[in-house]
Amino acid sequence: MPLPHILLALLVTLIWGVNFVIIKVGLHDFPPLLFCALRFALAALPLIFLRGPLPAPFWRIVQIGVLLGVVKFGLLFVGMHMGMPAGLSSLVLQSQVFFTVLIAAVFLGERPSPRALFGLLLAASGLLLIGLERPLGDSLLAFGLVIAAALAWAFSNIATKRSGANDMLRLISWVSLIPPLPLLVLSWIFEGPQAMAAAVRGISWEGVGALLYIAFLATTVGFGLWSFLLRRYPASQVTPFALAVPVSGLLSGWLMLGEQLTAQDWLACVLVFLGLAVTVLPASLWQRRSAVAPS
């Protein structure tokens, strides 16, 4: 993967790392399923300006929309609403990397190299260090919902890769058209019309800002770039970048909110990025470095 695309992947991890804090802000104003429905309704707005044929077969767009929008984000938002902390949610959700690598091996025949597997294990050890310092939250059910969300994301990664789409902005805009109606129906059933109406009447500027961030930055920009990378490279090469999402969340909290990081946190960050380097940098680079190393 060339350096510009590596930087794009790291930009996505930064956007998504901050996004977990933004989700917590938005959940103060909205019930989770309604929040998710509004997010995708806004993310579909670019279709007003985009012209041309469908970017992928319609059944594939529906498949991605259901897996990514209804199942993944529905479960994630409900899990966070039930008590999963933002930092731990961002960590647990990245189990999708390992699910994706396994599913890609089974359905796409993508076999990660031993070097890539070593890098994944190295990054996973960093995530484990981060997780050991974070409380689980109030509910094991909430934890299970986030794990299920990660599995749904893994399947949506594979569906995106197999979509054949080339215009990723159009793809993510069409995909965003699928979730709002099912999510609104689920919100009406499980959250109730009174809660939905109260959320709309009592919305704050913080809620509006959170909604705009997750709709356009996290969804249109983030998933547009993510889909672009998945289309060009093996899933086992792209998805490991998501392991940096909890790290970017920690670092953004340190930089923007003054949150303290322990020595263990810093070590974990180093392990994650070292694992990513081993996984995604070309083998020729490591061979050249070995060749010039002093004997």
Protein backbone atom coordinates (compact mmCIF):
# COMPACT_ATOMS: atom_id res chain seq x y z
CA MET A 1 0.00 0.00 0.00
CA PRO A 2 1.57 3.36 -1.01
CA LEU A 3 2.14 6.06 1.60
CA PRO A 4 -0.78 8.33 0.48
CA HIS A 5 -3.23 5.46 1.01
CA ILE A 6 -1.66 4.59 4.37
CA LEU A 7 -2.20 8.22 5.40
CA LEU A 8 -5.84 8.03 4.22
CA ALA A 9 -6.35 4.93 6.37
CA LEU A 10 -4.82 6.69 9.39
CA LEU A 11 -7.07 9.71 8.77
CA VAL A 12 -10.09 7.38 8.92
CA THR A 13 -8.88 5.94 12.24
CA LEU A 14 -8.57 9.46 13.64
CA ILE A 15 -12.10 10.40 12.53
CA TRP A 16 -13.52 7.19 13.97
CA GLY A 17 -11.52 7.42 17.20
CA VAL A 18 -13.02 10.84 17.98
CA ASN A 19 -16.41 9.53 16.86
CA PHE A 20 -16.94 7.35 19.95
CA VAL A 21 -16.81 10.39 22.21
CA ILE A 22 -19.17 12.19 19.81
CA ILE A 23 -21.63 9.26 19.97
CA LYS A 24 -21.74 9.52 23.77
CA VAL A 25 -22.53 13.25 23.43
CA GLY A 26 -25.33 12.54 20.96
CA LEU A 27 -26.85 9.82 23.13
CA HIS A 28 -27.56 12.47 25.76
CA ASP A 29 -30.07 14.01 23.32
CA PHE A 30 -31.37 11.03 21.34
CA PRO A 31 -32.51 7.46 21.99
CA PRO A 32 -29.93 5.20 20.29
CA LEU A 33 -32.03 3.80 17.44
CA LEU A 34 -33.46 7.20 16.55
CA PHE A 35 -29.96 8.70 16.65
CA CYS A 36 -28.73 6.02 14.27
CA ALA A 37 -31.69 6.55 11.91
CA LEU A 38 -31.11 10.32 11.73
CA ARG A 39 -27.40 9.76 11.16
CA PHE A 40 -27.99 7.71 8.01
CA ALA A 41 -30.83 9.93 6.78
CA LEU A 42 -28.40 12.86 6.74
CA ALA A 43 -25.61 10.77 5.23
CA ALA A 44 -27.89 9.94 2.28
CA LEU A 45 -28.38 13.63 1.40
CA PRO A 46 -25.54 13.72 -1.20
CA LEU A 47 -27.84 11.63 -3.44
CA ILE A 48 -29.73 14.88 -4.14
CA PHE A 49 -26.68 16.06 -6.10
CA LEU A 50 -25.20 12.79 -7.36
CA ARG A 51 -26.32 11.53 -10.74
CA GLY A 52 -25.67 8.32 -12.62
CA PRO A 53 -26.47 4.62 -12.35
CA LEU A 54 -26.40 2.55 -9.18
CA PRO A 55 -22.81 2.05 -8.01
CA ALA A 56 -23.44 -1.66 -7.32
CA PRO A 57 -26.26 -4.19 -7.71
CA PHE A 58 -29.22 -3.05 -5.63
CA TRP A 59 -29.35 -6.26 -3.59
CA ARG A 60 -25.72 -5.70 -2.61
CA ILE A 61 -26.48 -2.11 -1.53
CA VAL A 62 -29.35 -3.42 0.61
CA GLN A 63 -27.08 -6.11 2.09
CA ILE A 64 -24.41 -3.58 3.08
CA GLY A 65 -27.01 -1.12 4.36
CA VAL A 66 -28.64 -3.72 6.61
CA LEU A 67 -25.36 -5.16 7.92
CA LEU A 68 -23.61 -1.83 8.43
CA GLY A 69 -26.43 0.57 9.23
CA VAL A 70 -29.19 -1.44 10.87
CA VAL A 71 -27.32 -4.30 12.57
CA LYS A 72 -23.83 -2.93 13.31
CA PHE A 73 -24.70 0.60 14.37
CA GLY A 74 -28.04 -0.35 15.89
CA LEU A 75 -26.32 -2.86 18.19
CA LEU A 76 -23.40 -0.51 18.91
CA PHE A 77 -25.58 2.46 19.86
CA VAL A 78 -27.86 0.32 22.03
CA GLY A 79 -24.84 -1.27 23.72
CA MET A 80 -23.34 2.13 24.49
CA HIS A 81 -26.71 3.39 25.70
CA MET A 82 -26.89 0.38 28.06
CA GLY A 83 -23.60 1.28 29.69
CA MET A 84 -20.62 0.35 27.50
CA PRO A 85 -18.03 3.17 27.92
CA ALA A 86 -16.98 5.00 24.75
CA GLY A 87 -13.31 4.01 25.05
CA LEU A 88 -14.03 0.34 25.68
CA SER A 89 -16.63 0.28 22.88
CA SER A 90 -14.05 1.58 20.42
CA LEU A 91 -11.71 -1.17 21.60
CA VAL A 92 -14.16 -4.09 21.55
CA LEU A 93 -15.56 -3.07 18.15
CA GLN A 94 -12.13 -3.59 16.61
CA SER A 95 -12.52 -7.32 17.06
CA GLN A 96 -14.05 -6.87 13.59
CA VAL A 97 -10.47 -6.91 12.28
CA PHE A 98 -9.97 -10.52 13.33
CA PHE A 99 -13.48 -11.50 12.22
CA THR A 100 -12.82 -9.90 8.81
CA VAL A 101 -9.48 -11.63 8.33
CA LEU A 102 -11.09 -14.99 9.17
CA ILE A 103 -14.14 -14.43 6.92
CA ALA A 104 -11.96 -13.18 4.05
CA ALA A 105 -9.82 -16.30 4.35
CA VAL A 106 -12.91 -18.54 4.17
CA PHE A 107 -14.96 -16.73 1.48
CA LEU A 108 -12.35 -14.81 -0.55
CA GLY A 109 -9.34 -17.08 -0.19
CA GLU A 110 -7.23 -14.21 1.22
CA ARG A 111 -4.54 -15.86 3.31
CA PRO A 112 -2.61 -13.41 5.51
CA SER A 113 1.14 -13.97 5.59
CA PRO A 114 2.89 -15.11 8.78
CA ARG A 115 4.38 -11.59 9.04
CA ALA A 116 0.89 -10.05 8.86
CA LEU A 117 -0.41 -12.46 11.51
CA PHE A 118 2.51 -11.55 13.77
CA GLY A 119 1.72 -7.86 13.29
CA LEU A 120 -1.94 -8.47 14.15
CA LEU A 121 -0.99 -10.29 17.33
CA LEU A 122 1.41 -7.49 18.27
CA ALA A 123 -1.30 -4.86 17.77
CA ALA A 124 -3.81 -7.04 19.64
CA SER A 125 -1.45 -7.14 22.63
CA GLY A 126 -1.49 -3.33 22.64
CA LEU A 127 -5.29 -3.31 22.59
CA LEU A 128 -5.30 -5.77 25.49
CA LEU A 129 -3.12 -3.40 27.52
CA ILE A 130 -5.57 -0.58 26.84
CA GLY A 131 -8.55 -2.75 27.75
CA LEU A 132 -7.07 -3.89 31.06
CA GLU A 133 -7.29 -0.32 32.38
CA ARG A 134 -10.89 0.30 31.24
CA PRO A 135 -14.00 -0.71 33.22
CA LEU A 136 -16.38 -3.12 31.51
CA GLY A 137 -19.46 -1.03 32.14
CA ASP A 138 -22.77 -1.91 33.72
CA SER A 139 -23.91 -4.81 31.57
CA LEU A 140 -22.46 -7.97 30.06
CA LEU A 141 -25.36 -7.84 27.61
CA ALA A 142 -24.12 -4.45 26.41
CA PHE A 143 -20.65 -5.97 25.94
CA GLY A 144 -22.17 -8.81 23.90
CA LEU A 145 -24.09 -6.37 21.71
CA VAL A 146 -20.86 -4.56 20.78
CA ILE A 147 -19.19 -7.90 19.94
CA ALA A 148 -22.18 -8.73 17.70
CA ALA A 149 -21.84 -5.29 16.10
CA ALA A 150 -18.20 -6.09 15.31
CA LEU A 151 -19.23 -9.34 13.61
CA ALA A 152 -21.82 -7.48 11.50
CA TRP A 153 -19.15 -4.93 10.50
CA ALA A 154 -16.86 -7.76 9.39
CA PHE A 155 -19.54 -9.18 7.10
CA SER A 156 -20.27 -5.70 5.72
CA ASN A 157 -16.54 -5.29 4.93
CA ILE A 158 -16.68 -8.44 2.83
CA ALA A 159 -19.92 -7.34 1.13
CA THR A 160 -18.36 -3.95 0.34
CA LYS A 161 -15.29 -5.59 -1.17
CA ARG A 162 -17.48 -7.85 -3.33
CA SER A 163 -19.79 -5.04 -4.45
CA GLY A 164 -17.67 -4.13 -7.46
CA ALA A 165 -18.34 -0.43 -6.87
CA ASN A 166 -15.82 2.15 -8.09
CA ASP A 167 -17.54 5.39 -6.97
CA MET A 168 -17.36 5.07 -3.19
CA LEU A 169 -19.11 8.36 -2.41
CA ARG A 170 -22.10 7.21 -4.42
CA LEU A 171 -21.92 3.77 -2.80
CA ILE A 172 -21.92 5.02 0.79
CA SER A 173 -24.69 7.51 -0.05
CA TRP A 174 -26.89 4.76 -1.50
CA VAL A 175 -26.03 2.45 1.41
CA SER A 176 -27.08 5.23 3.82
CA LEU A 177 -30.52 5.30 2.17
CA ILE A 178 -31.30 1.78 3.44
CA PRO A 179 -31.08 1.99 7.29
CA PRO A 180 -33.29 5.01 8.23
CA LEU A 181 -36.73 3.43 7.70
CA PRO A 182 -36.02 0.10 9.48
CA LEU A 183 -34.30 1.98 12.32
CA LEU A 184 -37.22 4.41 12.68
CA VAL A 185 -39.64 1.48 12.88
CA LEU A 186 -37.45 -0.21 15.52
CA SER A 187 -37.20 3.08 17.42
CA TRP A 188 -41.00 3.47 17.34
CA ILE A 189 -41.46 -0.10 18.67
CA PHE A 190 -38.71 -0.24 21.32
CA GLU A 191 -38.12 3.41 22.28
CA GLY A 192 -41.64 4.71 21.78
CA PRO A 193 -43.11 7.73 19.99
CA GLN A 194 -42.99 9.82 23.19
CA ALA A 195 -39.21 9.40 23.51
CA MET A 196 -38.75 10.16 19.81
CA ALA A 197 -40.85 13.34 20.02
CA ALA A 198 -39.14 14.47 23.23
CA ALA A 199 -35.71 14.04 21.62
CA VAL A 200 -36.66 16.18 18.63
CA ARG A 201 -38.22 18.90 20.84
CA GLY A 202 -35.33 18.98 23.32
CA ILE A 203 -32.38 18.77 20.94
CA SER A 204 -29.37 20.89 21.94
CA TRP A 205 -26.60 22.44 19.87
CA GLU A 206 -24.32 19.67 21.15
CA GLY A 207 -26.77 17.10 19.81
CA VAL A 208 -26.91 18.82 16.43
CA GLY A 209 -23.12 18.94 16.25
CA ALA A 210 -22.83 15.27 17.19
CA LEU A 211 -25.38 14.33 14.54
CA LEU A 212 -23.57 16.30 11.82
CA TYR A 213 -20.20 14.82 12.79
CA ILE A 214 -21.29 11.19 12.69
CA ALA A 215 -23.41 11.69 9.56
CA PHE A 216 -20.88 13.45 7.36
CA LEU A 217 -17.39 12.97 8.81
CA ALA A 218 -17.72 9.48 10.32
CA THR A 219 -20.09 8.11 7.65
CA THR A 220 -19.70 9.94 4.33
CA VAL A 221 -15.98 10.71 4.65
CA GLY A 222 -14.90 7.85 6.91
CA PHE A 223 -16.75 4.98 5.28
CA GLY A 224 -16.26 6.47 1.81
CA LEU A 225 -12.48 6.34 2.24
CA TRP A 226 -12.68 2.95 3.98
CA SER A 227 -14.71 1.49 1.09
CA PHE A 228 -12.24 2.96 -1.40
CA LEU A 229 -9.37 1.17 0.34
CA LEU A 230 -11.29 -2.10 0.67
CA ARG A 231 -12.01 -2.01 -3.06
CA ARG A 232 -8.31 -1.64 -3.95
CA TYR A 233 -6.57 -3.88 -1.40
CA PRO A 234 -7.12 -7.23 0.35
CA ALA A 235 -9.39 -6.97 3.39
CA SER A 236 -6.60 -8.45 5.53
CA GLN A 237 -4.42 -5.46 4.54
CA VAL A 238 -7.00 -2.71 5.15
CA THR A 239 -8.92 -3.77 8.24
CA PRO A 240 -5.88 -3.90 10.58
CA PHE A 241 -5.80 -0.11 10.42
CA ALA A 242 -8.99 -0.14 12.49
CA LEU A 243 -6.87 -1.39 15.40
CA ALA A 244 -5.57 2.18 15.64
CA VAL A 245 -9.07 3.58 16.30
CA PRO A 246 -8.90 3.17 20.11
CA VAL A 247 -5.39 4.64 20.04
CA SER A 248 -6.56 7.69 18.11
CA GLY A 249 -9.41 8.03 20.60
CA LEU A 250 -6.96 7.99 23.52
CA LEU A 251 -4.59 10.46 21.86
CA SER A 252 -7.36 12.85 20.81
CA GLY A 253 -8.68 12.84 24.38
CA TRP A 254 -5.17 13.60 25.63
CA LEU A 255 -4.62 16.40 23.11
CA MET A 256 -8.07 18.02 23.10
CA LEU A 257 -9.50 17.24 26.54
CA GLY A 258 -6.38 16.98 28.67
CA GLU A 259 -7.10 13.37 29.63
CA GLN A 260 -4.12 11.70 31.28
CA LEU A 261 -2.41 8.68 29.73
CA THR A 262 -0.47 6.20 31.84
CA ALA A 263 2.86 4.63 30.91
CA GLN A 264 0.88 1.47 30.08
CA ASP A 265 -1.30 3.45 27.66
CA TRP A 266 1.77 4.85 25.88
CA LEU A 267 3.31 1.38 25.63
CA ALA A 268 0.02 0.07 24.21
CA CYS A 269 -0.03 2.81 21.56
CA VAL A 270 3.53 1.93 20.52
CA LEU A 271 2.63 -1.78 20.27
CA VAL A 272 -0.44 -1.07 18.13
CA PHE A 273 1.41 1.12 15.65
CA LEU A 274 4.39 -1.25 15.54
CA GLY A 275 1.98 -4.10 14.83
CA LEU A 276 0.36 -2.05 12.06
CA ALA A 277 3.77 -1.29 10.55
CA VAL A 278 4.67 -4.99 10.51
CA THR A 279 1.28 -5.86 8.99
CA VAL A 280 0.83 -3.23 6.28
CA LEU A 281 4.30 -2.04 5.21
CA PRO A 282 5.67 -4.00 2.25
CA ALA A 283 8.03 -6.88 2.95
CA SER A 284 10.61 -5.32 0.60
CA LEU A 285 10.98 -2.39 3.02
CA TRP A 286 11.79 -4.68 5.92
CA GLN A 287 14.19 -6.65 3.71
CA ARG A 288 16.02 -3.45 2.70
CA ARG A 289 16.31 -2.38 6.35
CA SER A 290 17.72 -5.80 7.23
CA ALA A 291 20.20 -5.56 4.38
CA VAL A 292 21.61 -2.20 5.53
CA ALA A 293 21.66 -3.10 9.23
CA PRO A 294 25.19 -3.45 10.64
CA SER A 295 26.38 -7.01 11.04
